[in-house]
Every structure is written in structure tokens, then in C-alpha cells.
C-alpha atoms as a PDB file:
ATOM      1  CA  MET A   1     -27.013  14.868   9.804  1.00  0.00           C
ATOM      2  CA  SER A   2     -25.850  14.285  12.863  1.00  0.00           C
ATOM      3  CA  PHE A   3     -23.513  11.765  14.372  1.00  0.00           C
ATOM      4  CA  ASP A   4     -24.229   7.818  15.615  1.00  0.00           C
ATOM      5  CA  SER A   5     -22.695   4.740  15.836  1.00  0.00           C
ATOM      6  CA  THR A   6     -21.886   3.165  12.821  1.00  0.00           C
ATOM      7  CA  ASP A   7     -21.687  -0.378  11.449  1.00  0.00           C
ATOM      8  CA  GLN A   8     -17.989  -0.230  12.312  1.00  0.00           C
ATOM      9  CA  TYR A   9     -17.834   1.777  15.256  1.00  0.00           C
ATOM     10  CA  ILE A  10     -19.873   2.075  18.558  1.00  0.00           C
ATOM     11  CA  ALA A  11     -20.411   5.224  19.846  1.00  0.00           C
ATOM     12  CA  THR A  12     -22.302   5.708  23.739  1.00  0.00           C
ATOM     13  CA  ASP A  13     -24.688   8.477  24.433  1.00  0.00           C
ATOM     14  CA  GLU A  14     -21.645  10.915  26.014  1.00  0.00           C
ATOM     15  CA  LEU A  15     -19.720  10.601  22.680  1.00  0.00           C
ATOM     16  CA  ARG A  16     -22.353  11.193  20.218  1.00  0.00           C
ATOM     17  CA  VAL A  17     -23.319  14.043  22.198  1.00  0.00           C
ATOM     18  CA  ALA A  18     -20.061  15.494  22.261  1.00  0.00           C
ATOM     19  CA  VAL A  19     -19.221  15.425  18.786  1.00  0.00           C
ATOM     20  CA  ASN A  20     -22.567  16.554  17.603  1.00  0.00           C
ATOM     21  CA  ALA A  21     -21.931  19.817  20.081  1.00  0.00           C
ATOM     22  CA  ALA A  22     -18.458  20.300  18.741  1.00  0.00           C
ATOM     23  CA  VAL A  23     -19.857  20.516  15.425  1.00  0.00           C
ATOM     24  CA  THR A  24     -22.622  22.988  16.018  1.00  0.00           C
ATOM     25  CA  LEU A  25     -20.233  24.782  18.287  1.00  0.00           C
ATOM     26  CA  GLN A  26     -17.915  25.437  15.307  1.00  0.00           C
ATOM     27  CA  ARG A  27     -15.245  24.919  17.419  1.00  0.00           C
ATOM     28  CA  PRO A  28     -12.326  21.319  18.078  1.00  0.00           C
ATOM     29  CA  LEU A  29     -12.861  18.445  19.217  1.00  0.00           C
ATOM     30  CA  LEU A  30     -10.623  17.041  22.138  1.00  0.00           C
ATOM     31  CA  ILE A  31     -10.619  13.454  22.571  1.00  0.00           C
ATOM     32  CA  LYS A  32      -8.884  12.039  25.111  1.00  0.00           C
ATOM     33  CA  GLY A  33      -8.439   8.512  26.307  1.00  0.00           C
ATOM     34  CA  GLU A  34      -6.372   5.177  27.442  1.00  0.00           C
ATOM     35  CA  PRO A  35      -4.426   4.124  23.837  1.00  0.00           C
ATOM     36  CA  GLY A  36      -6.706   1.892  22.203  1.00  0.00           C
ATOM     37  CA  THR A  37      -9.682   2.995  22.904  1.00  0.00           C
ATOM     38  CA  GLY A  38     -10.940   4.473  19.417  1.00  0.00           C
ATOM     39  CA  LYS A  39      -9.664   7.739  19.376  1.00  0.00           C
ATOM     40  CA  THR A  40      -8.371   8.043  15.639  1.00  0.00           C
ATOM     41  CA  LEU A  41     -10.840   5.840  14.467  1.00  0.00           C
ATOM     42  CA  LEU A  42     -13.969   8.199  15.570  1.00  0.00           C
ATOM     43  CA  ALA A  43     -12.218  10.598  13.046  1.00  0.00           C
ATOM     44  CA  GLU A  44     -12.955   7.839  10.448  1.00  0.00           C
ATOM     45  CA  GLN A  45     -15.935   7.291  11.114  1.00  0.00           C
ATOM     46  CA  VAL A  46     -17.196  10.396  11.616  1.00  0.00           C
ATOM     47  CA  ALA A  47     -16.350  11.360   8.130  1.00  0.00           C
ATOM     48  CA  LYS A  48     -18.046   8.115   6.887  1.00  0.00           C
ATOM     49  CA  ARG A  49     -21.211   8.992   8.865  1.00  0.00           C
ATOM     50  CA  LEU A  50     -21.478  12.352   7.687  1.00  0.00           C
ATOM     51  CA  ASN A  51     -20.466  11.666   4.498  1.00  0.00           C
ATOM     52  CA  LYS A  52     -17.661  14.074   4.087  1.00  0.00           C
ATOM     53  CA  PRO A  53     -13.943  13.931   3.147  1.00  0.00           C
ATOM     54  CA  LEU A  54     -10.922  13.064   5.956  1.00  0.00           C
ATOM     55  CA  ILE A  55      -7.900  14.743   5.972  1.00  0.00           C
ATOM     56  CA  GLN A  56      -5.196  12.878   8.693  1.00  0.00           C
ATOM     57  CA  TRP A  57      -2.343  14.949  10.137  1.00  0.00           C
ATOM     58  CA  HIS A  58      -0.283  12.376  12.253  1.00  0.00           C
ATOM     59  CA  ILE A  59       1.720  14.002  14.933  1.00  0.00           C
ATOM     60  CA  LYS A  60       5.321  12.973  15.661  1.00  0.00           C
ATOM     61  CA  SER A  61       7.572  14.242  18.393  1.00  0.00           C
ATOM     62  CA  THR A  62       9.782  16.212  15.478  1.00  0.00           C
ATOM     63  CA  THR A  63       6.748  17.611  13.882  1.00  0.00           C
ATOM     64  CA  LYS A  64       6.061  21.740  13.943  1.00  0.00           C
ATOM     65  CA  ALA A  65       2.820  23.541  13.263  1.00  0.00           C
ATOM     66  CA  GLN A  66       4.274  25.325  10.619  1.00  0.00           C
ATOM     67  CA  GLN A  67       4.332  22.099   8.580  1.00  0.00           C
ATOM     68  CA  GLY A  68       0.552  21.769   8.942  1.00  0.00           C
ATOM     69  CA  LEU A  69       0.043  25.414   7.085  1.00  0.00           C
ATOM     70  CA  TYR A  70       2.908  24.774   4.528  1.00  0.00           C
ATOM     71  CA  GLU A  71       6.557  24.738   3.890  1.00  0.00           C
ATOM     72  CA  TYR A  72       9.256  26.524   1.652  1.00  0.00           C
ATOM     73  CA  ASP A  73      11.775  24.780  -0.448  1.00  0.00           C
ATOM     74  CA  ALA A  74      14.261  27.116  -0.575  1.00  0.00           C
ATOM     75  CA  VAL A  75      17.249  24.184  -1.322  1.00  0.00           C
ATOM     76  CA  SER A  76      15.242  23.152  -4.426  1.00  0.00           C
ATOM     77  CA  ARG A  77      14.589  26.825  -5.629  1.00  0.00           C
ATOM     78  CA  LEU A  78      17.939  26.961  -4.939  1.00  0.00           C
ATOM     79  CA  ARG A  79      19.224  24.456  -6.765  1.00  0.00           C
ATOM     80  CA  ASP A  80      17.043  25.457 -10.242  1.00  0.00           C
ATOM     81  CA  SER A  81      18.393  29.209 -10.383  1.00  0.00           C
ATOM     82  CA  GLN A  82      21.656  27.052 -10.937  1.00  0.00           C
ATOM     83  CA  LEU A  83      20.487  25.163 -12.990  1.00  0.00           C
ATOM     84  CA  GLY A  84      18.883  27.734 -14.717  1.00  0.00           C
ATOM     85  CA  ASP A  85      14.821  26.453 -14.387  1.00  0.00           C
ATOM     86  CA  ASP A  86      12.571  28.563 -15.430  1.00  0.00           C
ATOM     87  CA  LYS A  87      10.155  28.492 -12.599  1.00  0.00           C
ATOM     88  CA  VAL A  88      12.383  29.301  -9.906  1.00  0.00           C
ATOM     89  CA  HIS A  89      10.729  32.805 -10.913  1.00  0.00           C
ATOM     90  CA  ASP A  90       7.447  31.583  -9.315  1.00  0.00           C
ATOM     91  CA  ILE A  91       8.341  30.879  -5.862  1.00  0.00           C
ATOM     92  CA  ALA A  92       4.570  29.197  -5.621  1.00  0.00           C
ATOM     93  CA  ASN A  93       5.744  26.258  -7.006  1.00  0.00           C
ATOM     94  CA  TYR A  94       8.411  25.663  -4.177  1.00  0.00           C
ATOM     95  CA  ILE A  95       5.448  26.078  -1.311  1.00  0.00           C
ATOM     96  CA  LYS A  96       4.042  22.327  -0.670  1.00  0.00           C
ATOM     97  CA  LYS A  97       0.712  22.646   1.089  1.00  0.00           C
ATOM     98  CA  GLY A  98       0.154  21.107   4.832  1.00  0.00           C
ATOM     99  CA  LYS A  99      -2.650  19.454   6.314  1.00  0.00           C
ATOM    100  CA  LEU A 100      -4.471  22.379   7.145  1.00  0.00           C
ATOM    101  CA  TRP A 101      -3.928  24.482   4.017  1.00  0.00           C
ATOM    102  CA  GLN A 102      -5.909  21.312   2.416  1.00  0.00           C
ATOM    103  CA  ALA A 103      -8.813  21.435   4.742  1.00  0.00           C
ATOM    104  CA  PHE A 104      -8.928  24.947   4.499  1.00  0.00           C
ATOM    105  CA  GLU A 105      -8.819  24.989   0.411  1.00  0.00           C
ATOM    106  CA  ALA A 106     -11.095  22.376  -0.047  1.00  0.00           C
ATOM    107  CA  ASP A 107     -14.546  23.242  -1.615  1.00  0.00           C
ATOM    108  CA  GLU A 108     -16.872  21.045   0.470  1.00  0.00           C
ATOM    109  CA  GLN A 109     -16.306  20.847   4.216  1.00  0.00           C
ATOM    110  CA  VAL A 110     -13.860  18.271   5.541  1.00  0.00           C
ATOM    111  CA  VAL A 111     -12.882  16.419   8.597  1.00  0.00           C
ATOM    112  CA  LEU A 112      -9.410  17.351   9.618  1.00  0.00           C
ATOM    113  CA  LEU A 113      -8.101  14.812  12.842  1.00  0.00           C
ATOM    114  CA  ILE A 114      -5.159  16.607  13.772  1.00  0.00           C
ATOM    115  CA  ASP A 115      -4.040  12.751  15.796  1.00  0.00           C
ATOM    116  CA  GLU A 116      -1.855  12.522  19.186  1.00  0.00           C
ATOM    117  CA  ILE A 117      -1.017  16.154  19.469  1.00  0.00           C
ATOM    118  CA  ASP A 118       0.678  15.998  22.641  1.00  0.00           C
ATOM    119  CA  LYS A 119       3.567  13.958  20.888  1.00  0.00           C
ATOM    120  CA  ALA A 120       5.027  17.428  19.483  1.00  0.00           C
ATOM    121  CA  ASP A 121       6.150  20.312  21.858  1.00  0.00           C
ATOM    122  CA  ILE A 122       4.400  21.930  24.306  1.00  0.00           C
ATOM    123  CA  GLU A 123       4.337  25.185  22.082  1.00  0.00           C
ATOM    124  CA  PHE A 124       3.174  23.111  19.228  1.00  0.00           C
ATOM    125  CA  PRO A 125      -0.705  23.506  20.043  1.00  0.00           C
ATOM    126  CA  ASN A 126      -0.279  27.438  20.726  1.00  0.00           C
ATOM    127  CA  ASP A 127       0.832  27.845  17.489  1.00  0.00           C
ATOM    128  CA  LEU A 128      -1.723  26.699  16.445  1.00  0.00           C
ATOM    129  CA  LEU A 129      -4.373  28.757  18.328  1.00  0.00           C
ATOM    130  CA  VAL A 130      -5.100  31.861  15.695  1.00  0.00           C
ATOM    131  CA  GLU A 131      -5.297  29.256  12.623  1.00  0.00           C
ATOM    132  CA  LEU A 132      -7.698  27.229  14.306  1.00  0.00           C
ATOM    133  CA  ASP A 133      -9.842  30.088  15.429  1.00  0.00           C
ATOM    134  CA  LYS A 134      -9.903  32.631  12.726  1.00  0.00           C
ATOM    135  CA  MET A 135      -9.346  29.646  10.153  1.00  0.00           C
ATOM    136  CA  GLU A 136      -6.841  31.669   8.142  1.00  0.00           C
ATOM    137  CA  PHE A 137      -2.747  32.118   8.024  1.00  0.00           C
ATOM    138  CA  PHE A 138      -0.737  34.332   6.140  1.00  0.00           C
ATOM    139  CA  VAL A 139       1.972  33.030   3.681  1.00  0.00           C
ATOM    140  CA  TYR A 140       4.678  35.078   3.802  1.00  0.00           C
ATOM    141  CA  GLU A 141       6.435  34.318   0.809  1.00  0.00           C
ATOM    142  CA  THR A 142       3.520  34.688  -1.452  1.00  0.00           C
ATOM    143  CA  GLY A 143       2.164  37.619   0.580  1.00  0.00           C
ATOM    144  CA  GLU A 144      -1.228  35.705   0.363  1.00  0.00           C
ATOM    145  CA  VAL A 145      -4.196  34.956   3.229  1.00  0.00           C
ATOM    146  CA  ILE A 146      -5.269  31.194   2.969  1.00  0.00           C
ATOM    147  CA  ARG A 147      -8.834  31.122   4.494  1.00  0.00           C
ATOM    148  CA  ALA A 148     -11.245  28.018   4.824  1.00  0.00           C
ATOM    149  CA  LYS A 149     -14.211  28.291   2.311  1.00  0.00           C
ATOM    150  CA  GLN A 150     -15.593  25.988   4.533  1.00  0.00           C
ATOM    151  CA  ARG A 151     -15.014  25.227   8.281  1.00  0.00           C
ATOM    152  CA  PRO A 152     -13.244  22.006   8.850  1.00  0.00           C
ATOM    153  CA  ILE A 153     -14.852  19.673  11.318  1.00  0.00           C
ATOM    154  CA  VAL A 154     -11.345  19.601  13.731  1.00  0.00           C
ATOM    155  CA  ILE A 155     -10.830  16.785  16.058  1.00  0.00           C
ATOM    156  CA  ILE A 156      -7.423  16.596  17.583  1.00  0.00           C
ATOM    157  CA  THR A 157      -6.683  13.241  19.988  1.00  0.00           C
ATOM    158  CA  SER A 158      -4.434  12.869  22.910  1.00  0.00           C
ATOM    159  CA  ASN A 159      -2.819  10.208  24.833  1.00  0.00           C
ATOM    160  CA  ASN A 160      -2.371  12.489  27.707  1.00  0.00           C
ATOM    161  CA  GLU A 161       1.004  12.270  27.215  1.00  0.00           C
ATOM    162  CA  LYS A 162       1.675  15.649  28.555  1.00  0.00           C
ATOM    163  CA  GLU A 163      -0.704  18.814  29.344  1.00  0.00           C
ATOM    164  CA  LEU A 164      -1.856  21.112  27.016  1.00  0.00           C
ATOM    165  CA  PRO A 165      -2.001  24.848  27.296  1.00  0.00           C
ATOM    166  CA  ASP A 166      -4.828  26.005  28.923  1.00  0.00           C
ATOM    167  CA  ALA A 167      -5.437  28.595  26.015  1.00  0.00           C
ATOM    168  CA  PHE A 168      -5.624  25.900  23.547  1.00  0.00           C
ATOM    169  CA  LEU A 169      -8.186  24.177  25.806  1.00  0.00           C
ATOM    170  CA  ARG A 170     -10.362  27.239  26.029  1.00  0.00           C
ATOM    171  CA  ARG A 171     -11.210  26.812  22.234  1.00  0.00           C
ATOM    172  CA  CYS A 172     -11.167  22.970  22.581  1.00  0.00           C
ATOM    173  CA  PHE A 173     -15.022  21.212  23.051  1.00  0.00           C
ATOM    174  CA  PHE A 174     -13.553  18.393  25.423  1.00  0.00           C
ATOM    175  CA  HIS A 175     -14.485  14.750  25.734  1.00  0.00           C
ATOM    176  CA  TYR A 176     -12.829  12.090  27.739  1.00  0.00           C
ATOM    177  CA  ILE A 177     -13.478   8.305  26.131  1.00  0.00           C
ATOM    178  CA  SER A 178     -13.917   6.162  29.320  1.00  0.00           C
ATOM    179  CA  PHE A 179     -12.737   2.753  28.775  1.00  0.00           C
ATOM    180  CA  PRO A 180     -16.148   0.427  27.629  1.00  0.00           C
ATOM    181  CA  ASP A 181     -18.011  -1.183  30.149  1.00  0.00           C
ATOM    182  CA  ARG A 182     -18.040  -4.925  29.895  1.00  0.00           C
ATOM    183  CA  ASP A 183     -22.061  -4.620  27.975  1.00  0.00           C
ATOM    184  CA  THR A 184     -20.628  -1.781  25.434  1.00  0.00           C
ATOM    185  CA  MET A 185     -17.194  -3.782  24.332  1.00  0.00           C
ATOM    186  CA  ALA A 186     -19.675  -6.921  23.968  1.00  0.00           C
ATOM    187  CA  LYS A 187     -21.459  -4.682  21.202  1.00  0.00           C
ATOM    188  CA  ILE A 188     -17.841  -3.457  20.062  1.00  0.00           C
ATOM    189  CA  ILE A 189     -17.078  -7.498  19.544  1.00  0.00           C
ATOM    190  CA  ASP A 190     -20.749  -8.439  17.906  1.00  0.00           C
ATOM    191  CA  VAL A 191     -19.629  -4.840  15.377  1.00  0.00           C
ATOM    192  CA  HIS A 192     -16.426  -6.689  14.265  1.00  0.00           C
ATOM    193  CA  PHE A 193     -17.264 -10.533  14.691  1.00  0.00           C
ATOM    194  CA  PRO A 194     -21.206 -10.671  13.771  1.00  0.00           C
ATOM    195  CA  ASN A 195     -21.000 -14.320  14.190  1.00  0.00           C
ATOM    196  CA  ILE A 196     -19.098 -15.058  16.999  1.00  0.00           C
ATOM    197  CA  LYS A 197     -20.298 -17.689  19.539  1.00  0.00           C
ATOM    198  CA  GLN A 198     -21.936 -15.845  22.638  1.00  0.00           C
ATOM    199  CA  GLN A 199     -19.978 -18.259  25.070  1.00  0.00           C
ATOM    200  CA  LEU A 200     -16.855 -17.716  23.575  1.00  0.00           C
ATOM    201  CA  VAL A 201     -17.191 -13.757  23.911  1.00  0.00           C
ATOM    202  CA  LYS A 202     -18.413 -14.379  27.811  1.00  0.00           C
ATOM    203  CA  ALA A 203     -15.424 -16.775  28.166  1.00  0.00           C
ATOM    204  CA  ALA A 204     -13.285 -13.738  26.652  1.00  0.00           C
ATOM    205  CA  LEU A 205     -14.414 -11.122  28.533  1.00  0.00           C
ATOM    206  CA  ASP A 206     -14.351 -12.735  31.713  1.00  0.00           C
ATOM    207  CA  ILE A 207     -10.108 -12.990  31.144  1.00  0.00           C
ATOM    208  CA  PHE A 208      -9.809  -9.844  29.699  1.00  0.00           C
ATOM    209  CA  PHE A 209     -11.539  -7.869  32.280  1.00  0.00           C
ATOM    210  CA  ASP A 210      -9.693 -10.180  35.094  1.00  0.00           C
ATOM    211  CA  VAL A 211      -6.076  -9.070  33.472  1.00  0.00           C
ATOM    212  CA  ARG A 212      -7.482  -5.271  33.173  1.00  0.00           C
ATOM    213  CA  ASP A 213      -8.196  -5.876  37.196  1.00  0.00           C
ATOM    214  CA  VAL A 214      -4.875  -7.097  38.233  1.00  0.00           C
ATOM    215  CA  PRO A 215      -3.182  -4.745  40.066  1.00  0.00           C
ATOM    216  CA  GLY A 216       0.293  -2.730  39.182  1.00  0.00           C
ATOM    217  CA  LEU A 217      -0.252  -3.507  35.517  1.00  0.00           C
ATOM    218  CA  LYS A 218       2.058  -1.502  33.013  1.00  0.00           C
ATOM    219  CA  LYS A 219       0.139  -1.475  30.029  1.00  0.00           C
ATOM    220  CA  LYS A 220      -3.045  -2.618  30.440  1.00  0.00           C
ATOM    221  CA  PRO A 221      -4.920  -4.352  27.427  1.00  0.00           C
ATOM    222  CA  SER A 222      -7.084  -1.957  25.676  1.00  0.00           C
ATOM    223  CA  THR A 223     -10.007  -2.289  23.347  1.00  0.00           C
ATOM    224  CA  SER A 224      -8.168  -2.723  20.129  1.00  0.00           C
ATOM    225  CA  GLU A 225      -5.764  -5.515  21.768  1.00  0.00           C
ATOM    226  CA  LEU A 226      -8.917  -7.772  22.631  1.00  0.00           C
ATOM    227  CA  ILE A 227     -10.581  -7.126  19.086  1.00  0.00           C
ATOM    228  CA  ASP A 228      -6.715  -8.575  17.997  1.00  0.00           C
ATOM    229  CA  TRP A 229      -6.704 -11.266  20.495  1.00  0.00           C
ATOM    230  CA  LEU A 230     -10.180 -12.439  19.525  1.00  0.00           C
ATOM    231  CA  LYS A 231      -8.984 -12.337  15.898  1.00  0.00           C
ATOM    232  CA  ILE A 232      -6.594 -15.161  16.859  1.00  0.00           C
ATOM    233  CA  ILE A 233      -8.977 -16.775  18.931  1.00  0.00           C
ATOM    234  CA  VAL A 234     -11.251 -17.532  16.062  1.00  0.00           C
ATOM    235  CA  ALA A 235      -8.670 -18.057  13.364  1.00  0.00           C
ATOM    236  CA  ASP A 236      -7.313 -21.234  15.769  1.00  0.00           C
ATOM    237  CA  ASP A 237     -10.435 -22.293  16.332  1.00  0.00           C
ATOM    238  CA  ILE A 238      -9.794 -22.114  19.872  1.00  0.00           C
ATOM    239  CA  PRO A 239     -12.460 -23.765  22.063  1.00  0.00           C
ATOM    240  CA  GLU A 240     -14.726 -21.563  24.833  1.00  0.00           C
ATOM    241  CA  ASP A 241     -13.203 -24.385  26.916  1.00  0.00           C
ATOM    242  CA  VAL A 242      -9.820 -23.478  27.090  1.00  0.00           C
ATOM    243  CA  LEU A 243     -10.680 -19.977  27.977  1.00  0.00           C
ATOM    244  CA  LYS A 244     -12.900 -21.380  30.924  1.00  0.00           C
ATOM    245  CA  ASN A 245     -10.480 -23.107  32.251  1.00  0.00           C
ATOM    246  CA  LYS A 246      -9.254 -22.080  35.689  1.00  0.00           C
ATOM    247  CA  ASP A 247      -7.334 -24.700  36.785  1.00  0.00           C
ATOM    248  CA  ASN A 248      -4.544 -23.877  34.193  1.00  0.00           C
ATOM    249  CA  SER A 249      -0.764 -24.241  34.957  1.00  0.00           C
ATOM    250  CA  SER A 250      -0.607 -20.542  34.497  1.00  0.00           C
ATOM    251  CA  ALA A 251      -2.799 -17.672  35.055  1.00  0.00           C
ATOM    252  CA  ILE A 252      -1.372 -16.206  31.799  1.00  0.00           C
ATOM    253  CA  PRO A 253      -4.244 -16.356  28.834  1.00  0.00           C
ATOM    254  CA  PRO A 254      -3.401 -18.526  25.585  1.00  0.00           C
ATOM    255  CA  LEU A 255      -2.096 -16.204  22.946  1.00  0.00           C
ATOM    256  CA  TYR A 256      -1.297 -13.434  25.278  1.00  0.00           C
ATOM    257  CA  GLY A 257       1.637 -11.727  23.226  1.00  0.00           C
ATOM    258  CA  ALA A 258      -1.767  -9.889  22.250  1.00  0.00           C
ATOM    259  CA  LEU A 259      -3.026  -8.723  25.381  1.00  0.00           C
ATOM    260  CA  LEU A 260       0.007  -7.911  27.510  1.00  0.00           C
ATOM    261  CA  LYS A 261       2.894  -6.069  25.766  1.00  0.00           C
ATOM    262  CA  THR A 262       5.622  -5.934  28.101  1.00  0.00           C
ATOM    263  CA  GLU A 263       7.855  -8.504  30.071  1.00  0.00           C
ATOM    264  CA  GLN A 264       6.675  -7.286  33.233  1.00  0.00           C
ATOM    265  CA  ASP A 265       3.286  -7.684  33.174  1.00  0.00           C
ATOM    266  CA  VAL A 266       3.700 -11.176  31.916  1.00  0.00           C
ATOM    267  CA  HIS A 267       6.418 -12.360  34.877  1.00  0.00           C
ATOM    268  CA  MET A 268       3.602 -10.445  37.119  1.00  0.00           C
ATOM    269  CA  LEU A 269       0.557 -12.492  36.043  1.00  0.00           C
ATOM    270  CA  GLU A 270       2.899 -15.604  36.374  1.00  0.00           C
ATOM    271  CA  ARG A 271       3.645 -14.499  40.027  1.00  0.00           C
ATOM    272  CA  LEU A 272       0.005 -14.618  40.727  1.00  0.00           C
ATOM    273  CA  ALA A 273      -0.531 -17.693  38.907  1.00  0.00           C
ATOM    274  CA  PHE A 274       1.985 -18.974  41.467  1.00  0.00           C
ATOM    275  CA  MET A 275       0.678 -17.844  44.479  1.00  0.00           C
ATOM    276  CA  MET A 276      -2.766 -19.172  43.452  1.00  0.00           C
ATOM    277  CA  ARG A 277      -1.485 -22.386  43.271  1.00  0.00           C
ATOM    278  CA  ARG A 278       0.221 -22.468  46.500  1.00  0.00           C
ATOM    279  CA  LYS A 279      -2.764 -21.483  48.156  1.00  0.00           C
ATOM    280  CA  ASN A 280      -5.068 -23.911  46.580  1.00  0.00           C
END
């Protein structure tokens, strides 16, 4: 079975090709794109579409590559030895399996998501090169080699916060999720709101793309923010006439808190509205 759009996710032709190519080549799929364009959701939908378990490893600034393999709890072992606990004689009792270990030992092929890899230290990707390439690693405390029973489908996401090493990039199949055009965005909305009025969608998209086109915005609204905004509009039963009204005393969209995330962007739109009113 190959990956395609699902009832919860609209995949462009380019994205479908990228996913299926990475699976065929057995290489990690590196996904980049604006925050909120569905990079993390992609892994969930790939697992759903291919009917495979999903293992998620969400990376933080403090995450180390070793944690993805395993962690040895020497402190607990020392404490148990002082208490005379018999389990101290088996060091395996103090080995905590990481997400890669869980993926490697799975009896069936899984989808492994390494989410927001660019949040970690610059050396983090290099520290996983061998493990992701050979699909094995060595456990020093027990002397065993852990090899993948089934090579997982690895999906790695990045928000481009920092450059990734060339050696790591060479081992990946790369795809950049471009921001959806208007037609694709309408399809995404239909997935989330199958019964929404098309006039409301048109009015909302007009405002959404107008806001995104404002030069100098610090944080342009994303797909996920558009979905949140529409949820509130539908819940509050705001008519499309309110969205269509171009004569409002402010250019700030109703319920703008779902779209605009910084006070600088709010003030920018307010200044823009003021200048437009002076021209009129």
C-alpha cells in the first residue's frame, strides 16, 4: 500500500511522491516547512494510511541522541545496592529503552517520527548517523547489539531553526512542504468542516490570505491557525457578511487571536487600517 491523502489529511502530489520514494529507498524522510503546515500530522497520517504503529520522539533543546537509544540509571542501581535489592545483579533492570530501541525491536514495521530535530544541539543529527543508516547500535552496559527486526519508516521534521549537517542530509530524502495555495487550502478546510458554507469559506480565505500578504509580519498565520480560527467562527455562528465587511473601523479580523500571535503584528494591521481610512 502506498501513501495518499486520507479523510483527515490532504497530501499534494509532490508530498505523496516524496513519502513513497523515501519508503521505497528505505531512507529517512526529512520534512521541512513553515510551522503549522502539517509536518507532524503527516507522520500520524502515514502510519494510519499504511496501517502501521506510530512511535513519536519529540525533540527538545535538552534532548540528547543517546536518549533515543537507551539510558542507564546508575543512581537507581546504586540506591538499590545500598538497600540490598537482588535486582542489582542484572544491569538490564536499569536500562531504559529509547524510542529507536522500541522501533528496532518491534515485530512489525513501525513509523518512527523524530519531531523538530532542529531544536536539539547541532551535533544531535550526527550522533544518530550510524544508527539510522545501519539500523543498529551497541549497548555498552550489557554488551549486546540491538538490530532492527523490521526497518522502520523514519520521518524527521524540521522548522529550519538551524542548519543540519551535510553528512546527515545526504542520508535523507528531502521534501519541503510549500504553503498550500487557495485551492488546496479549500480542500483542507473541507476535510475539517465537511458541512461548512462555501460562502463563509471564501470570505475567510480572502481575509486569511490578505493577512498573510501583509509585508513585514513577524508571524504569518499558518494552516493550523486558519483551522482554529474557523472553528471559533463556526462555533460563534459568525455570518459571512461580517467577514466580507471591508468598511470596519479596523483591519483586524474578528477573533484575531487565533490568527495573529504577536502584538507587533496586531499593531501593524491597525496602522495599515488607519492609513487606509485616511486615504478614503
